C-alpha atoms as a PDB file:
ATOM      1  CA  MET A   1    -117.232  56.709-102.305  1.00  0.00           C
ATOM      2  CA  ASP A   2    -120.065  57.021 -99.834  1.00  0.00           C
ATOM      3  CA  CYS A   3    -122.771  55.339-101.945  1.00  0.00           C
ATOM      4  CA  LEU A   4    -125.244  53.102-100.111  1.00  0.00           C
ATOM      5  CA  PHE A   5    -125.729  50.744-103.064  1.00  0.00           C
ATOM      6  CA  CYS A   6    -121.980  50.521-103.737  1.00  0.00           C
ATOM      7  CA  LYS A   7    -121.569  49.448-100.109  1.00  0.00           C
ATOM      8  CA  ILE A   8    -124.323  46.841-100.535  1.00  0.00           C
ATOM      9  CA  ALA A   9    -122.706  45.607-103.772  1.00  0.00           C
ATOM     10  CA  GLY A  10    -119.363  45.397-101.956  1.00  0.00           C
ATOM     11  CA  LYS A  11    -121.086  43.555 -99.100  1.00  0.00           C
ATOM     12  CA  GLU A  12    -120.037  46.188 -96.589  1.00  0.00           C
ATOM     13  CA  ILE A  13    -123.730  46.543 -95.727  1.00  0.00           C
ATOM     14  CA  LYS A  14    -125.834  43.425 -95.273  1.00  0.00           C
ATOM     15  CA  SER A  15    -128.839  42.927 -97.537  1.00  0.00           C
ATOM     16  CA  GLU A  16    -131.159  40.098 -98.476  1.00  0.00           C
ATOM     17  CA  ILE A  17    -129.635  39.142-101.822  1.00  0.00           C
ATOM     18  CA  VAL A  18    -132.003  37.455-104.254  1.00  0.00           C
ATOM     19  CA  TRP A  19    -129.549  36.990-107.147  1.00  0.00           C
ATOM     20  CA  GLU A  20    -126.166  38.203-108.293  1.00  0.00           C
ATOM     21  CA  ASN A  21    -123.438  37.720-110.846  1.00  0.00           C
ATOM     22  CA  ASN A  22    -120.107  39.473-111.384  1.00  0.00           C
ATOM     23  CA  GLU A  23    -121.703  42.684-112.681  1.00  0.00           C
ATOM     24  CA  LEU A  24    -125.133  42.903-111.033  1.00  0.00           C
ATOM     25  CA  MET A  25    -126.937  42.316-107.764  1.00  0.00           C
ATOM     26  CA  ALA A  26    -130.627  42.016-106.887  1.00  0.00           C
ATOM     27  CA  PHE A  27    -131.769  42.421-103.295  1.00  0.00           C
ATOM     28  CA  LYS A  28    -134.999  43.005-101.395  1.00  0.00           C
ATOM     29  CA  ASP A  29    -135.961  46.609-100.784  1.00  0.00           C
ATOM     30  CA  ILE A  30    -135.954  47.431 -97.057  1.00  0.00           C
ATOM     31  CA  GLN A  31    -138.986  49.730 -97.541  1.00  0.00           C
ATOM     32  CA  PRO A  32    -141.105  47.710 -99.977  1.00  0.00           C
ATOM     33  CA  LEU A  33    -143.846  49.431-101.946  1.00  0.00           C
ATOM     34  CA  ALA A  34    -145.406  46.111-102.994  1.00  0.00           C
ATOM     35  CA  PRO A  35    -145.541  42.512-101.741  1.00  0.00           C
ATOM     36  CA  VAL A  36    -142.625  41.754-104.078  1.00  0.00           C
ATOM     37  CA  HIS A  37    -140.112  44.600-104.287  1.00  0.00           C
ATOM     38  CA  VAL A  38    -136.556  43.897-105.354  1.00  0.00           C
ATOM     39  CA  LEU A  39    -133.867  46.310-106.500  1.00  0.00           C
ATOM     40  CA  LEU A  40    -131.526  45.331-109.325  1.00  0.00           C
ATOM     41  CA  ILE A  41    -128.294  47.330-109.444  1.00  0.00           C
ATOM     42  CA  PRO A  42    -125.080  47.345-111.415  1.00  0.00           C
ATOM     43  CA  LYS A  43    -122.118  46.810-109.109  1.00  0.00           C
ATOM     44  CA  LYS A  44    -120.370  49.567-111.052  1.00  0.00           C
ATOM     45  CA  HIS A  45    -121.414  52.995-109.818  1.00  0.00           C
ATOM     46  CA  ILE A  46    -123.573  54.818-112.351  1.00  0.00           C
ATOM     47  CA  GLN A  47    -125.503  57.631-110.720  1.00  0.00           C
ATOM     48  CA  SER A  48    -128.649  57.524-112.897  1.00  0.00           C
ATOM     49  CA  LEU A  49    -129.993  56.881-116.385  1.00  0.00           C
ATOM     50  CA  VAL A  50    -128.693  60.233-117.580  1.00  0.00           C
ATOM     51  CA  ASP A  51    -125.160  59.257-116.548  1.00  0.00           C
ATOM     52  CA  ILE A  52    -124.944  56.179-118.781  1.00  0.00           C
ATOM     53  CA  LYS A  53    -122.039  56.394-121.205  1.00  0.00           C
ATOM     54  CA  GLY A  54    -121.626  54.587-124.511  1.00  0.00           C
ATOM     55  CA  SER A  55    -119.201  52.156-122.884  1.00  0.00           C
ATOM     56  CA  ASP A  56    -121.967  51.200-120.398  1.00  0.00           C
ATOM     57  CA  GLN A  57    -124.338  49.901-123.079  1.00  0.00           C
ATOM     58  CA  PRO A  58    -123.401  46.213-122.672  1.00  0.00           C
ATOM     59  CA  LEU A  59    -123.961  46.516-118.908  1.00  0.00           C
ATOM     60  CA  ILE A  60    -127.336  48.200-119.426  1.00  0.00           C
ATOM     61  CA  GLY A  61    -128.364  45.384-121.764  1.00  0.00           C
ATOM     62  CA  GLU A  62    -127.283  42.890-119.114  1.00  0.00           C
ATOM     63  CA  ILE A  63    -129.442  44.671-116.520  1.00  0.00           C
ATOM     64  CA  PHE A  64    -132.575  44.291-118.615  1.00  0.00           C
ATOM     65  CA  SER A  65    -131.762  40.664-119.413  1.00  0.00           C
ATOM     66  CA  ALA A  66    -131.313  40.027-115.696  1.00  0.00           C
ATOM     67  CA  VAL A  67    -134.809  41.375-114.929  1.00  0.00           C
ATOM     68  CA  SER A  68    -136.247  38.186-116.454  1.00  0.00           C
ATOM     69  CA  ILE A  69    -133.833  35.985-114.499  1.00  0.00           C
ATOM     70  CA  VAL A  70    -134.698  37.706-111.218  1.00  0.00           C
ATOM     71  CA  ALA A  71    -138.441  37.575-111.961  1.00  0.00           C
ATOM     72  CA  GLU A  72    -138.154  33.840-112.584  1.00  0.00           C
ATOM     73  CA  LYS A  73    -136.179  33.360-109.371  1.00  0.00           C
ATOM     74  CA  LEU A  74    -138.904  35.268-107.478  1.00  0.00           C
ATOM     75  CA  GLY A  75    -141.655  33.164-109.058  1.00  0.00           C
ATOM     76  CA  ILE A  76    -143.362  36.150-110.697  1.00  0.00           C
ATOM     77  CA  LYS A  77    -142.226  35.823-114.300  1.00  0.00           C
ATOM     78  CA  GLU A  78    -145.379  34.109-115.570  1.00  0.00           C
ATOM     79  CA  GLN A  79    -147.841  36.228-113.539  1.00  0.00           C
ATOM     80  CA  GLY A  80    -146.360  39.526-114.620  1.00  0.00           C
ATOM     81  CA  PHE A  81    -144.641  42.364-112.816  1.00  0.00           C
ATOM     82  CA  GLN A  82    -143.601  45.974-113.199  1.00  0.00           C
ATOM     83  CA  ILE A  83    -140.208  47.594-113.484  1.00  0.00           C
ATOM     84  CA  LEU A  84    -139.544  51.158-112.463  1.00  0.00           C
ATOM     85  CA  VAL A  85    -136.456  53.290-112.966  1.00  0.00           C
ATOM     86  CA  ARG A  86    -136.505  56.657-111.253  1.00  0.00           C
ATOM     87  CA  THR A  87    -134.113  59.357-112.406  1.00  0.00           C
ATOM     88  CA  GLY A  88    -133.020  62.378-110.422  1.00  0.00           C
ATOM     89  CA  LYS A  89    -134.604  64.110-107.466  1.00  0.00           C
ATOM     90  CA  SER A  90    -137.722  65.258-109.357  1.00  0.00           C
ATOM     91  CA  GLY A  91    -138.108  61.726-110.710  1.00  0.00           C
ATOM     92  CA  GLY A  92    -138.206  60.321-107.189  1.00  0.00           C
ATOM     93  CA  GLN A  93    -134.732  58.754-107.180  1.00  0.00           C
ATOM     94  CA  GLU A  94    -133.722  58.497-103.534  1.00  0.00           C
ATOM     95  CA  VAL A  95    -130.358  56.713-103.853  1.00  0.00           C
ATOM     96  CA  PRO A  96    -127.966  58.216-106.422  1.00  0.00           C
ATOM     97  CA  HIS A  97    -127.014  54.860-107.977  1.00  0.00           C
ATOM     98  CA  LEU A  98    -128.809  53.454-111.017  1.00  0.00           C
ATOM     99  CA  HIS A  99    -131.322  50.819-109.961  1.00  0.00           C
ATOM    100  CA  VAL A 100    -134.338  49.036-111.352  1.00  0.00           C
ATOM    101  CA  HIS A 101    -137.282  48.331-109.078  1.00  0.00           C
ATOM    102  CA  ILE A 102    -138.938  44.961-109.793  1.00  0.00           C
ATOM    103  CA  LEU A 103    -142.442  45.078-108.320  1.00  0.00           C
ATOM    104  CA  GLN A 104    -145.365  42.705-108.202  1.00  0.00           C
ATOM    105  CA  GLY A 105    -148.614  42.771-106.292  1.00  0.00           C
ATOM    106  CA  THR A 106    -149.488  46.473-106.422  1.00  0.00           C
ATOM    107  CA  ARG A 107    -150.252  48.650-109.428  1.00  0.00           C
ATOM    108  CA  PHE A 108    -148.538  52.015-109.750  1.00  0.00           C
END
């Protein structure tokens, strides 16, 4: 598979990892839209929100639980932050791999 985020998850492409576990990885966006801009991805390839299957529900729950862990690690949990999930080309999704943007410092 020629997926950029799968290659990052597999550590074939170097990234600035903020946090990871067996299923997920959070790393700094290389083109940040805000002072704090981290991407949280499942290591399993899921193209977008519309491609989630019933068997993926535990993983999706883990993603949203991990948002809090990553926000705490970044020191933004108490101040507040935004999450953004883009879906499909018209939704602004640039990399066809499900990812959650964790942003702080700029309002969208």
